[in-house]
N, C-alpha and C. Protein backbone atom coordinates (compact mmCIF):
# COMPACT_ATOMS: atom_id res chain seq x y z
N UNK A 1 84.91 125.59 91.70
CA UNK A 1 85.09 124.24 92.17
C UNK A 1 84.53 123.26 91.15
N UNK A 2 85.26 122.22 90.86
CA UNK A 2 84.83 121.23 89.88
C UNK A 2 83.65 120.44 90.40
N UNK A 3 82.72 120.16 89.51
CA UNK A 3 81.56 119.37 89.90
C UNK A 3 81.95 117.92 90.14
N UNK A 4 82.85 117.43 89.33
CA UNK A 4 83.27 116.05 89.45
C UNK A 4 84.74 115.96 89.09
N UNK A 5 85.53 115.38 89.96
CA UNK A 5 86.95 115.18 89.70
C UNK A 5 87.24 113.71 89.99
N UNK A 6 87.48 112.95 88.93
CA UNK A 6 87.66 111.51 89.09
C UNK A 6 89.04 111.13 89.60
N UNK A 7 90.03 111.98 89.34
CA UNK A 7 91.39 111.64 89.74
C UNK A 7 92.20 112.92 89.89
N UNK A 8 93.14 112.87 90.80
CA UNK A 8 94.03 114.01 91.00
C UNK A 8 95.41 113.48 91.34
N UNK A 9 96.33 113.62 90.39
CA UNK A 9 97.70 113.17 90.60
C UNK A 9 98.65 114.23 90.08
N UNK A 10 99.89 114.13 90.48
CA UNK A 10 100.93 114.98 89.91
C UNK A 10 102.27 114.27 90.07
N UNK A 11 103.18 114.61 89.19
CA UNK A 11 104.53 114.07 89.24
C UNK A 11 105.49 115.21 89.51
N UNK A 12 106.47 114.96 90.34
CA UNK A 12 107.52 115.95 90.53
C UNK A 12 108.47 115.86 89.34
N UNK A 13 109.24 116.89 89.14
CA UNK A 13 110.21 116.88 88.05
C UNK A 13 111.21 115.73 88.26
N UNK A 14 111.58 115.49 89.50
CA UNK A 14 112.52 114.41 89.81
C UNK A 14 111.92 113.05 89.45
N UNK A 15 110.63 112.85 89.74
CA UNK A 15 109.97 111.58 89.40
C UNK A 15 109.94 111.37 87.89
N UNK A 16 109.66 112.44 87.14
CA UNK A 16 109.62 112.32 85.68
C UNK A 16 111.01 112.01 85.12
N UNK A 17 112.04 112.64 85.68
CA UNK A 17 113.41 112.37 85.24
C UNK A 17 113.76 110.92 85.53
N UNK A 18 113.40 110.42 86.72
CA UNK A 18 113.67 109.01 87.06
C UNK A 18 112.92 108.07 86.12
N UNK A 19 111.64 108.35 85.89
CA UNK A 19 110.82 107.51 85.01
C UNK A 19 111.42 107.48 83.60
N UNK A 20 111.75 108.65 83.07
CA UNK A 20 112.33 108.71 81.73
C UNK A 20 113.67 107.98 81.67
N UNK A 21 114.45 108.08 82.74
CA UNK A 21 115.73 107.38 82.79
C UNK A 21 115.56 105.88 82.79
N UNK A 22 114.60 105.40 83.55
CA UNK A 22 114.34 103.95 83.59
C UNK A 22 113.82 103.45 82.24
N UNK A 23 112.94 104.23 81.62
CA UNK A 23 112.42 103.83 80.30
C UNK A 23 113.54 103.83 79.26
N UNK A 24 114.41 104.82 79.32
CA UNK A 24 115.55 104.86 78.40
C UNK A 24 116.46 103.66 78.64
N UNK A 25 116.62 103.27 79.90
CA UNK A 25 117.44 102.10 80.22
C UNK A 25 116.85 100.82 79.66
N UNK A 26 115.54 100.68 79.76
CA UNK A 26 114.87 99.51 79.20
C UNK A 26 115.05 99.49 77.69
N UNK A 27 114.83 100.64 77.06
CA UNK A 27 114.98 100.73 75.59
C UNK A 27 116.41 100.36 75.19
N UNK A 28 117.38 100.87 75.90
CA UNK A 28 118.79 100.59 75.57
C UNK A 28 119.10 99.11 75.77
N UNK A 29 118.59 98.52 76.84
CA UNK A 29 118.85 97.11 77.11
C UNK A 29 118.25 96.21 76.04
N UNK A 30 117.11 96.60 75.51
CA UNK A 30 116.43 95.79 74.49
C UNK A 30 116.96 96.04 73.08
N UNK A 31 117.72 97.12 72.90
CA UNK A 31 118.22 97.47 71.57
C UNK A 31 119.04 96.32 70.98
N UNK A 32 118.69 95.94 69.78
CA UNK A 32 119.38 94.86 69.09
C UNK A 32 118.87 93.47 69.46
N UNK A 33 117.94 93.40 70.43
CA UNK A 33 117.39 92.10 70.84
C UNK A 33 115.91 91.96 70.52
N UNK A 34 115.30 93.04 70.09
CA UNK A 34 113.88 93.00 69.75
C UNK A 34 113.70 93.46 68.31
N UNK A 35 112.54 93.20 67.74
CA UNK A 35 112.24 93.57 66.36
C UNK A 35 110.91 94.30 66.31
N UNK A 36 110.70 95.05 65.24
CA UNK A 36 109.42 95.67 64.94
C UNK A 36 108.89 95.05 63.65
N UNK A 37 107.84 94.28 63.76
CA UNK A 37 107.24 93.66 62.58
C UNK A 37 106.28 94.65 61.92
N UNK A 38 106.11 94.51 60.63
CA UNK A 38 105.07 95.27 59.94
C UNK A 38 103.73 94.61 60.26
N UNK A 39 102.64 95.30 59.95
CA UNK A 39 101.33 94.68 60.21
C UNK A 39 101.14 93.43 59.37
N UNK A 40 101.66 93.43 58.16
CA UNK A 40 101.57 92.22 57.32
C UNK A 40 102.35 91.07 57.97
N UNK A 41 103.52 91.35 58.48
CA UNK A 41 104.30 90.31 59.15
C UNK A 41 103.59 89.80 60.40
N UNK A 42 102.95 90.71 61.14
CA UNK A 42 102.21 90.27 62.33
C UNK A 42 101.09 89.31 61.94
N UNK A 43 100.41 89.62 60.85
CA UNK A 43 99.35 88.72 60.37
C UNK A 43 99.94 87.41 59.89
N UNK A 44 101.08 87.49 59.22
CA UNK A 44 101.71 86.29 58.67
C UNK A 44 102.15 85.34 59.79
N UNK A 45 102.80 85.86 60.80
CA UNK A 45 103.34 85.00 61.85
C UNK A 45 102.35 84.76 62.98
N UNK A 46 101.47 85.69 63.22
CA UNK A 46 100.45 85.53 64.25
C UNK A 46 101.03 85.34 65.64
N UNK A 47 100.17 84.96 66.53
CA UNK A 47 100.55 84.67 67.91
C UNK A 47 100.24 83.23 68.20
N UNK A 48 101.01 82.66 69.08
CA UNK A 48 100.79 81.27 69.47
C UNK A 48 99.71 81.25 70.56
N UNK A 49 98.66 80.50 70.32
CA UNK A 49 97.57 80.41 71.29
C UNK A 49 97.97 79.47 72.43
N UNK A 50 97.23 79.52 73.51
CA UNK A 50 97.54 78.68 74.68
C UNK A 50 97.61 77.20 74.32
N UNK A 51 96.68 76.74 73.48
CA UNK A 51 96.69 75.34 73.09
C UNK A 51 97.98 74.99 72.34
N UNK A 52 98.45 75.91 71.50
CA UNK A 52 99.68 75.66 70.76
C UNK A 52 100.90 75.74 71.68
N UNK A 53 100.83 76.54 72.74
CA UNK A 53 101.92 76.57 73.72
C UNK A 53 102.06 75.19 74.36
N UNK A 54 100.93 74.55 74.59
CA UNK A 54 100.96 73.20 75.17
C UNK A 54 101.64 72.22 74.21
N UNK A 55 101.40 72.39 72.92
CA UNK A 55 102.05 71.52 71.92
C UNK A 55 103.56 71.74 71.96
N UNK A 56 103.98 73.00 72.00
CA UNK A 56 105.41 73.31 72.05
C UNK A 56 106.03 72.73 73.32
N UNK A 57 105.35 72.91 74.47
CA UNK A 57 105.86 72.39 75.74
C UNK A 57 105.99 70.86 75.69
N UNK A 58 104.99 70.22 75.13
CA UNK A 58 105.01 68.76 75.06
C UNK A 58 106.13 68.28 74.13
N UNK A 59 106.30 68.95 72.98
CA UNK A 59 107.37 68.58 72.05
C UNK A 59 108.73 68.77 72.72
N UNK A 60 108.90 69.85 73.47
CA UNK A 60 110.16 70.08 74.18
C UNK A 60 110.41 68.97 75.18
N UNK A 61 109.38 68.59 75.88
CA UNK A 61 109.48 67.50 76.87
C UNK A 61 109.91 66.19 76.19
N UNK A 62 109.28 65.89 75.06
CA UNK A 62 109.64 64.66 74.32
C UNK A 62 111.09 64.74 73.83
N UNK A 63 111.49 65.91 73.34
CA UNK A 63 112.87 66.07 72.85
C UNK A 63 113.88 65.86 73.98
N UNK A 64 113.51 66.30 75.17
CA UNK A 64 114.41 66.13 76.32
C UNK A 64 114.48 64.66 76.74
N UNK A 65 113.35 63.99 76.72
CA UNK A 65 113.29 62.59 77.15
C UNK A 65 113.86 61.64 76.10
N UNK A 66 113.70 62.01 74.82
CA UNK A 66 114.11 61.12 73.72
C UNK A 66 114.93 61.90 72.70
N UNK A 67 116.17 62.25 73.03
CA UNK A 67 116.98 63.05 72.10
C UNK A 67 117.21 62.36 70.75
N UNK A 68 117.14 61.05 70.72
CA UNK A 68 117.35 60.34 69.45
C UNK A 68 116.16 60.51 68.49
N UNK A 69 115.03 60.98 68.98
CA UNK A 69 113.88 61.23 68.13
C UNK A 69 113.98 62.56 67.38
N UNK A 70 114.84 63.47 67.84
CA UNK A 70 114.93 64.80 67.23
C UNK A 70 115.53 64.68 65.83
N UNK A 71 114.81 65.15 64.81
CA UNK A 71 115.32 65.04 63.45
C UNK A 71 116.62 65.86 63.29
N UNK A 72 117.47 65.41 62.40
CA UNK A 72 118.77 66.06 62.21
C UNK A 72 118.63 67.48 61.67
N UNK A 73 117.56 67.75 60.91
CA UNK A 73 117.39 69.09 60.34
C UNK A 73 116.92 70.11 61.38
N UNK A 74 116.50 69.65 62.56
CA UNK A 74 116.04 70.55 63.62
C UNK A 74 117.23 70.90 64.52
N UNK A 75 117.50 72.18 64.68
CA UNK A 75 118.59 72.65 65.54
C UNK A 75 118.05 72.74 66.97
N UNK A 76 118.27 71.68 67.74
CA UNK A 76 117.73 71.59 69.11
C UNK A 76 118.29 72.70 70.00
N UNK A 77 119.55 73.04 69.85
CA UNK A 77 120.13 74.12 70.67
C UNK A 77 119.43 75.45 70.40
N UNK A 78 119.16 75.71 69.13
CA UNK A 78 118.44 76.95 68.79
C UNK A 78 117.01 76.89 69.30
N UNK A 79 116.37 75.74 69.20
CA UNK A 79 115.02 75.56 69.74
C UNK A 79 115.02 75.90 71.23
N UNK A 80 115.99 75.38 71.97
CA UNK A 80 116.07 75.62 73.41
C UNK A 80 116.31 77.10 73.72
N UNK A 81 117.18 77.75 72.95
CA UNK A 81 117.43 79.19 73.17
C UNK A 81 116.14 79.99 72.93
N UNK A 82 115.45 79.68 71.83
CA UNK A 82 114.20 80.37 71.52
C UNK A 82 113.15 80.12 72.62
N UNK A 83 113.09 78.91 73.08
CA UNK A 83 112.11 78.52 74.11
C UNK A 83 112.35 79.31 75.40
N UNK A 84 113.59 79.35 75.84
CA UNK A 84 113.93 80.06 77.08
C UNK A 84 113.71 81.56 76.93
N UNK A 85 114.16 82.13 75.82
CA UNK A 85 113.99 83.57 75.58
C UNK A 85 112.53 83.96 75.54
N UNK A 86 111.70 83.12 74.89
CA UNK A 86 110.27 83.39 74.83
C UNK A 86 109.65 83.44 76.21
N UNK A 87 110.03 82.50 77.08
CA UNK A 87 109.52 82.50 78.45
C UNK A 87 109.97 83.76 79.19
N UNK A 88 111.23 84.12 79.03
CA UNK A 88 111.76 85.30 79.71
C UNK A 88 111.03 86.56 79.25
N UNK A 89 110.81 86.66 77.96
CA UNK A 89 110.13 87.84 77.41
C UNK A 89 108.67 87.87 77.83
N UNK A 90 108.00 86.73 77.81
CA UNK A 90 106.57 86.70 78.13
C UNK A 90 106.29 87.28 79.51
N UNK A 91 107.09 86.94 80.49
CA UNK A 91 106.90 87.46 81.85
C UNK A 91 107.02 88.99 81.86
N UNK A 92 107.98 89.52 81.13
CA UNK A 92 108.19 90.97 81.09
C UNK A 92 107.08 91.67 80.30
N UNK A 93 106.63 91.02 79.23
CA UNK A 93 105.53 91.60 78.45
C UNK A 93 104.29 91.75 79.31
N UNK A 94 103.98 90.76 80.11
CA UNK A 94 102.81 90.84 80.98
C UNK A 94 102.93 92.00 81.97
N UNK A 95 104.11 92.16 82.55
CA UNK A 95 104.33 93.27 83.47
C UNK A 95 104.18 94.60 82.75
N UNK A 96 104.81 94.74 81.58
CA UNK A 96 104.72 95.99 80.83
C UNK A 96 103.29 96.27 80.35
N UNK A 97 102.57 95.24 79.95
CA UNK A 97 101.18 95.44 79.54
C UNK A 97 100.33 95.93 80.72
N UNK A 98 100.56 95.37 81.90
CA UNK A 98 99.83 95.83 83.09
C UNK A 98 100.15 97.29 83.40
N UNK A 99 101.43 97.65 83.33
CA UNK A 99 101.82 99.04 83.58
C UNK A 99 101.24 99.97 82.52
N UNK A 100 101.27 99.53 81.27
CA UNK A 100 100.72 100.33 80.18
C UNK A 100 99.22 100.55 80.38
N UNK A 101 98.51 99.51 80.76
CA UNK A 101 97.07 99.63 81.01
C UNK A 101 96.80 100.61 82.14
N UNK A 102 97.59 100.54 83.20
CA UNK A 102 97.42 101.48 84.33
C UNK A 102 97.64 102.93 83.87
N UNK A 103 98.68 103.16 83.07
CA UNK A 103 98.95 104.51 82.59
C UNK A 103 97.83 104.99 81.67
N UNK A 104 97.37 104.13 80.76
CA UNK A 104 96.29 104.50 79.84
C UNK A 104 95.01 104.79 80.61
N UNK A 105 94.68 103.96 81.60
CA UNK A 105 93.47 104.19 82.39
C UNK A 105 93.55 105.49 83.19
N UNK A 106 94.72 105.76 83.74
CA UNK A 106 94.92 107.01 84.48
C UNK A 106 94.77 108.20 83.55
N UNK A 107 95.37 108.12 82.36
CA UNK A 107 95.26 109.19 81.37
C UNK A 107 93.81 109.37 80.94
N UNK A 108 93.06 108.29 80.82
CA UNK A 108 91.65 108.37 80.46
C UNK A 108 90.86 109.19 81.47
N UNK A 109 91.11 108.93 82.76
CA UNK A 109 90.40 109.70 83.80
C UNK A 109 90.84 111.16 83.80
N UNK A 110 92.12 111.42 83.58
CA UNK A 110 92.60 112.80 83.50
C UNK A 110 91.98 113.51 82.30
N UNK A 111 91.91 112.82 81.16
CA UNK A 111 91.27 113.40 79.97
C UNK A 111 89.80 113.72 80.25
N UNK A 112 89.12 112.80 80.92
CA UNK A 112 87.71 113.00 81.26
C UNK A 112 87.55 114.25 82.12
N UNK A 113 88.37 114.36 83.16
CA UNK A 113 88.30 115.54 84.04
C UNK A 113 88.56 116.82 83.24
N UNK A 114 89.62 116.83 82.43
CA UNK A 114 89.95 118.04 81.66
C UNK A 114 88.85 118.40 80.68
N UNK A 115 88.30 117.43 79.99
CA UNK A 115 87.26 117.70 79.00
C UNK A 115 86.01 118.27 79.67
N UNK A 116 85.58 117.65 80.76
CA UNK A 116 84.39 118.15 81.45
C UNK A 116 84.60 119.55 82.03
N UNK A 117 85.79 119.81 82.55
CA UNK A 117 86.08 121.15 83.06
C UNK A 117 86.13 122.17 81.93
N UNK A 118 86.68 121.79 80.78
CA UNK A 118 86.71 122.69 79.62
C UNK A 118 85.29 123.01 79.16
N UNK A 119 84.43 121.99 79.11
CA UNK A 119 83.03 122.23 78.72
C UNK A 119 82.34 123.16 79.72
N UNK A 120 82.59 122.96 81.00
CA UNK A 120 82.01 123.84 82.03
C UNK A 120 82.49 125.27 81.84
N UNK A 121 83.77 125.43 81.53
CA UNK A 121 84.32 126.76 81.29
C UNK A 121 83.60 127.43 80.12
N UNK A 122 83.49 126.73 79.00
CA UNK A 122 82.85 127.32 77.82
C UNK A 122 81.37 127.60 78.06
N UNK A 123 80.69 126.75 78.79
CA UNK A 123 79.28 127.01 79.11
C UNK A 123 79.15 128.27 79.96
N UNK A 124 80.04 128.44 80.90
CA UNK A 124 80.01 129.62 81.77
C UNK A 124 80.29 130.88 80.96
N UNK A 125 81.26 130.81 80.06
CA UNK A 125 81.56 131.97 79.21
C UNK A 125 80.36 132.33 78.35
N UNK A 126 79.75 131.30 77.76
CA UNK A 126 78.58 131.53 76.91
C UNK A 126 77.46 132.19 77.71
N UNK A 127 77.30 131.78 78.93
CA UNK A 127 76.22 132.30 79.78
C UNK A 127 76.51 133.71 80.27
N UNK A 128 77.74 133.97 80.67
CA UNK A 128 78.05 135.24 81.33
C UNK A 128 78.53 136.33 80.40
N UNK A 129 79.07 135.99 79.25
CA UNK A 129 79.66 137.04 78.42
C UNK A 129 79.43 136.77 76.93
N UNK A 130 78.34 137.31 76.39
CA UNK A 130 78.07 137.12 74.97
C UNK A 130 79.17 137.73 74.09
N UNK A 131 79.84 138.80 74.53
CA UNK A 131 80.89 139.42 73.74
C UNK A 131 82.08 138.46 73.63
N UNK A 132 82.51 137.90 74.75
CA UNK A 132 83.60 136.91 74.73
C UNK A 132 83.20 135.68 73.92
N UNK A 133 81.96 135.32 74.05
CA UNK A 133 81.44 134.16 73.33
C UNK A 133 81.68 134.32 71.83
N UNK A 134 81.39 135.54 71.30
CA UNK A 134 81.56 135.80 69.87
C UNK A 134 83.03 135.82 69.46
N UNK A 135 83.90 136.37 70.31
CA UNK A 135 85.32 136.46 69.96
C UNK A 135 86.01 135.08 70.07
N UNK A 136 85.50 134.20 70.92
CA UNK A 136 86.09 132.87 71.08
C UNK A 136 85.50 131.88 70.08
N UNK A 137 84.43 132.27 69.41
CA UNK A 137 83.76 131.42 68.41
C UNK A 137 83.45 130.02 68.98
N UNK A 138 82.71 130.03 70.06
CA UNK A 138 82.29 128.77 70.64
C UNK A 138 80.81 128.53 70.42
């Protein structure tokens, strides 16, 4: 009997097939619409901070209220498409990050349980069977 078991879960084969199917569907839906930046590109472009999001929102508001102020070199239609797509993606990113965190945290507890049980097993072998201990090189 385990001394400590932090979590106990299992997936049926049907659940794993469904999960993999849904993930494949998400990947297929995003194909051609997302990019993978290099680490240098991530550093170059960075992320927009909350304060800068406010600047973008305010500029969009001004552009909507005063279309004659928009410079000719700025493609307002493209700005609007980017703005809407960013909002749509942000909501999904938050959901996926939450799900990813839940999976990582669950895996962490499973790893903890497995590691502690493995250590208990090796300690027991070392204690009860010096011959096995030598052959297992523990």
